[in-house]
């Protein structure tokens, strides 16, 4: 999202995160702009029973947890490292000054937030329809259009069935059954348990 050299020039620091480590928790105060340098992070809401709803999976180069930087609220979700990762963090006050002095970066954030809101509208629309195939197809089509969570060389979806379930509000058994049905209809390809589009 933001060039790491620019972030470092403004005082950002790298931080290594272990697999399973919480980077920040839902409903806590935001003190940093956070961007993933390497690894993989999931941004989740966790209910009282411990069930996760994955808001999105962050890939290197993407920022996450940016909403409270703009609305002064708390984090809307919890960020967890799915694998050993490295993040770069910039204090909130420095980030605000950075975007004030660089309107092109501010505009890029406006565009990013609009894209993320549009994605949520797409998912909410499919959830309201209660059709598992529509939910999964919407998620896959969106991720493919954004070149996110896909292998660029072979079009393999880099999400597990459980992650798809957690992102669509479906049970994993329903996802497995629906993906098999989509394969049988020719909507996607399953080879050796891997999904290709």
Protein backbone atom coordinates (compact mmCIF):
# COMPACT_ATOMS: atom_id res chain seq x y z
CA UNK A 1 0.00 0.00 0.00
CA UNK A 2 2.68 2.51 1.06
CA UNK A 3 6.31 2.18 0.01
CA UNK A 4 8.26 0.74 2.96
CA UNK A 5 11.15 3.19 2.44
CA UNK A 6 8.69 6.07 2.85
CA UNK A 7 7.24 4.48 5.98
CA UNK A 8 10.73 4.00 7.43
CA UNK A 9 11.57 7.63 6.65
CA UNK A 10 8.53 8.65 8.73
CA UNK A 11 9.66 6.51 11.69
CA UNK A 12 7.99 3.15 11.04
CA UNK A 13 9.53 -0.01 12.47
CA UNK A 14 9.45 -3.67 11.49
CA UNK A 15 8.03 -6.27 13.85
CA UNK A 16 8.25 -10.06 13.58
CA UNK A 17 5.04 -11.92 14.39
CA UNK A 18 4.85 -15.64 15.23
CA UNK A 19 2.22 -18.01 13.85
CA UNK A 20 -1.03 -17.64 15.80
CA UNK A 21 0.07 -14.40 17.47
CA UNK A 22 -2.51 -11.64 17.91
CA UNK A 23 -1.36 -8.40 16.28
CA UNK A 24 -4.29 -6.40 17.64
CA UNK A 25 -7.67 -7.27 19.16
CA UNK A 26 -11.17 -6.23 18.21
CA UNK A 27 -12.54 -3.32 20.30
CA UNK A 28 -9.08 -2.10 21.38
CA UNK A 29 -7.61 1.31 20.61
CA UNK A 30 -5.60 1.83 17.45
CA UNK A 31 -2.13 3.31 17.82
CA UNK A 32 -0.50 2.31 14.51
CA UNK A 33 -0.87 2.09 10.76
CA UNK A 34 -0.02 -1.57 10.03
CA UNK A 35 1.14 -3.09 6.76
CA UNK A 36 2.11 -6.69 6.04
CA UNK A 37 5.63 -7.14 4.65
CA UNK A 38 5.76 -10.95 4.53
CA UNK A 39 3.65 -13.86 5.70
CA UNK A 40 -0.13 -14.03 5.95
CA UNK A 41 -2.60 -12.48 8.39
CA UNK A 42 -6.30 -13.08 8.85
CA UNK A 43 -8.60 -10.34 10.04
CA UNK A 44 -11.41 -11.99 12.04
CA UNK A 45 -14.33 -11.48 14.35
CA UNK A 46 -14.59 -14.14 17.06
CA UNK A 47 -17.89 -14.81 18.82
CA UNK A 48 -18.38 -15.83 22.47
CA UNK A 49 -18.17 -19.51 21.52
CA UNK A 50 -14.81 -19.01 19.75
CA UNK A 51 -16.18 -19.31 16.19
CA UNK A 52 -14.31 -17.15 13.72
CA UNK A 53 -15.75 -15.11 10.88
CA UNK A 54 -12.91 -14.15 8.56
CA UNK A 55 -13.33 -10.61 7.28
CA UNK A 56 -10.37 -10.93 4.92
CA UNK A 57 -6.98 -12.54 4.56
CA UNK A 58 -4.15 -10.07 4.21
CA UNK A 59 -1.29 -10.69 1.82
CA UNK A 60 2.13 -8.98 1.69
CA UNK A 61 1.93 -5.32 0.69
CA UNK A 62 -1.57 -4.84 2.09
CA UNK A 63 -2.51 -2.75 5.10
CA UNK A 64 -5.07 -3.84 7.68
CA UNK A 65 -6.85 -2.38 10.68
CA UNK A 66 -7.01 1.05 9.07
CA UNK A 67 -10.62 2.01 9.92
CA UNK A 68 -9.87 3.49 13.38
CA UNK A 69 -7.11 5.61 11.88
CA UNK A 70 -9.88 7.59 10.19
CA UNK A 71 -12.90 7.38 12.52
CA UNK A 72 -11.18 7.44 15.96
CA UNK A 73 -13.05 4.26 16.93
CA UNK A 74 -11.62 0.92 18.02
CA UNK A 75 -10.49 -1.98 15.85
CA UNK A 76 -13.43 -3.62 14.07
CA UNK A 77 -11.80 -7.06 14.07
CA UNK A 78 -8.87 -9.04 15.47
CA UNK A 79 -5.71 -9.58 13.39
CA UNK A 80 -4.00 -12.99 13.75
CA UNK A 81 -0.86 -14.22 12.01
CA UNK A 82 -1.63 -17.36 10.01
CA UNK A 83 2.06 -17.99 9.57
CA UNK A 84 5.32 -16.40 10.66
CA UNK A 85 5.04 -12.83 9.40
CA UNK A 86 6.72 -9.45 9.37
CA UNK A 87 4.74 -6.23 9.65
CA UNK A 88 5.77 -2.61 9.48
CA UNK A 89 4.04 -0.18 11.84
CA UNK A 90 3.87 3.60 11.88
CA UNK A 91 2.50 5.58 14.83
CA UNK A 92 -0.97 6.94 14.16
CA UNK A 93 0.02 10.63 14.51
CA UNK A 94 2.86 10.17 12.01
CA UNK A 95 0.54 8.33 9.62
CA UNK A 96 -2.01 11.16 9.74
CA UNK A 97 0.71 13.70 8.99
CA UNK A 98 2.04 11.49 6.18
CA UNK A 99 -1.30 11.36 4.38
CA UNK A 100 -1.86 15.10 4.91
CA UNK A 101 1.43 15.80 3.15
CA UNK A 102 0.85 13.16 0.44
CA UNK A 103 -2.65 13.54 -1.01
CA UNK A 104 -2.04 10.71 -3.53
CA UNK A 105 -1.64 8.30 -0.60
CA UNK A 106 -4.79 9.67 1.03
CA UNK A 107 -6.67 9.15 -2.24
CA UNK A 108 -5.32 5.58 -2.46
CA UNK A 109 -6.76 4.93 1.03
CA UNK A 110 -10.12 6.35 0.00
CA UNK A 111 -10.13 3.98 -2.97
CA UNK A 112 -9.07 1.03 -0.79
CA UNK A 113 -11.80 1.70 1.78
CA UNK A 114 -14.39 2.00 -1.00
CA UNK A 115 -13.28 -1.36 -2.46
CA UNK A 116 -13.50 -3.04 0.93
CA UNK A 117 -16.98 -1.62 1.56
CA UNK A 118 -18.08 -2.78 -1.91
CA UNK A 119 -16.79 -6.29 -1.11
CA UNK A 120 -18.82 -6.33 2.12
CA UNK A 121 -21.94 -5.29 0.18
CA UNK A 122 -21.37 -8.19 -2.23
CA UNK A 123 -21.03 -10.68 0.62
CA UNK A 124 -24.01 -9.31 2.55
CA UNK A 125 -26.16 -9.55 -0.57
CA UNK A 126 -25.26 -13.21 -1.07
CA UNK A 127 -25.74 -14.03 2.62
CA UNK A 128 -29.24 -12.56 2.42
CA UNK A 129 -30.00 -14.92 -0.49
CA UNK A 130 -29.04 -17.98 1.62
CA UNK A 131 -27.67 -19.76 -1.48
CA UNK A 132 -24.31 -21.40 -0.63
CA UNK A 133 -23.22 -21.57 -4.28
CA UNK A 134 -23.92 -17.84 -4.75
CA UNK A 135 -21.96 -16.98 -1.60
CA UNK A 136 -18.95 -19.05 -2.63
CA UNK A 137 -19.03 -17.92 -6.27
CA UNK A 138 -19.25 -14.26 -5.20
CA UNK A 139 -16.26 -14.66 -2.89
CA UNK A 140 -14.17 -16.51 -5.49
CA UNK A 141 -15.05 -14.11 -8.31
CA UNK A 142 -14.21 -11.09 -6.17
CA UNK A 143 -10.89 -12.52 -5.00
CA UNK A 144 -9.96 -13.50 -8.55
CA UNK A 145 -10.85 -10.03 -9.89
CA UNK A 146 -8.61 -8.49 -7.22
CA UNK A 147 -5.79 -11.05 -7.77
CA UNK A 148 -6.04 -11.83 -4.07
CA UNK A 149 -5.61 -15.28 -2.50
CA UNK A 150 -4.92 -16.81 -5.94
CA UNK A 151 -1.74 -18.23 -7.42
CA UNK A 152 -1.13 -15.92 -10.42
CA UNK A 153 0.50 -18.66 -12.54
CA UNK A 154 -2.05 -21.45 -12.19
CA UNK A 155 -5.27 -19.79 -10.88
CA UNK A 156 -5.27 -21.96 -7.75
CA UNK A 157 -7.36 -20.60 -4.90
CA UNK A 158 -5.11 -20.28 -1.84
CA UNK A 159 -7.89 -20.65 0.75
CA UNK A 160 -8.86 -23.77 2.65
CA UNK A 161 -12.46 -24.98 2.73
CA UNK A 162 -12.55 -23.88 6.38
CA UNK A 163 -11.39 -20.36 5.46
CA UNK A 164 -14.07 -20.16 2.75
CA UNK A 165 -16.64 -21.26 5.33
CA UNK A 166 -15.39 -18.66 7.81
CA UNK A 167 -15.57 -15.92 5.17
CA UNK A 168 -19.06 -16.79 3.92
CA UNK A 169 -20.76 -17.76 7.19
CA UNK A 170 -21.31 -21.33 5.96
CA UNK A 171 -20.45 -24.63 7.62
CA UNK A 172 -17.35 -26.33 6.25
CA UNK A 173 -19.42 -29.38 5.26
CA UNK A 174 -21.66 -27.12 3.16
CA UNK A 175 -18.61 -25.57 1.50
CA UNK A 176 -17.16 -28.98 0.66
CA UNK A 177 -20.48 -30.19 -0.80
CA UNK A 178 -21.04 -26.95 -2.73
CA UNK A 179 -17.52 -26.83 -4.19
CA UNK A 180 -17.93 -30.45 -5.33
CA UNK A 181 -21.24 -29.49 -6.98
CA UNK A 182 -19.62 -26.46 -8.65
CA UNK A 183 -16.87 -28.77 -9.94
CA UNK A 184 -19.47 -31.18 -11.35
CA UNK A 185 -21.20 -28.27 -13.12
CA UNK A 186 -17.90 -27.05 -14.57
CA UNK A 187 -17.82 -23.78 -12.60
CA UNK A 188 -14.42 -24.63 -11.15
CA UNK A 189 -11.87 -27.43 -11.19
CA UNK A 190 -10.74 -29.62 -8.29
CA UNK A 191 -7.44 -31.45 -8.73
CA UNK A 192 -5.86 -33.40 -5.88
CA UNK A 193 -8.03 -31.47 -3.39
CA UNK A 194 -6.96 -28.07 -4.75
CA UNK A 195 -9.45 -25.61 -6.27
CA UNK A 196 -8.67 -23.91 -9.59
CA UNK A 197 -10.71 -21.27 -11.42
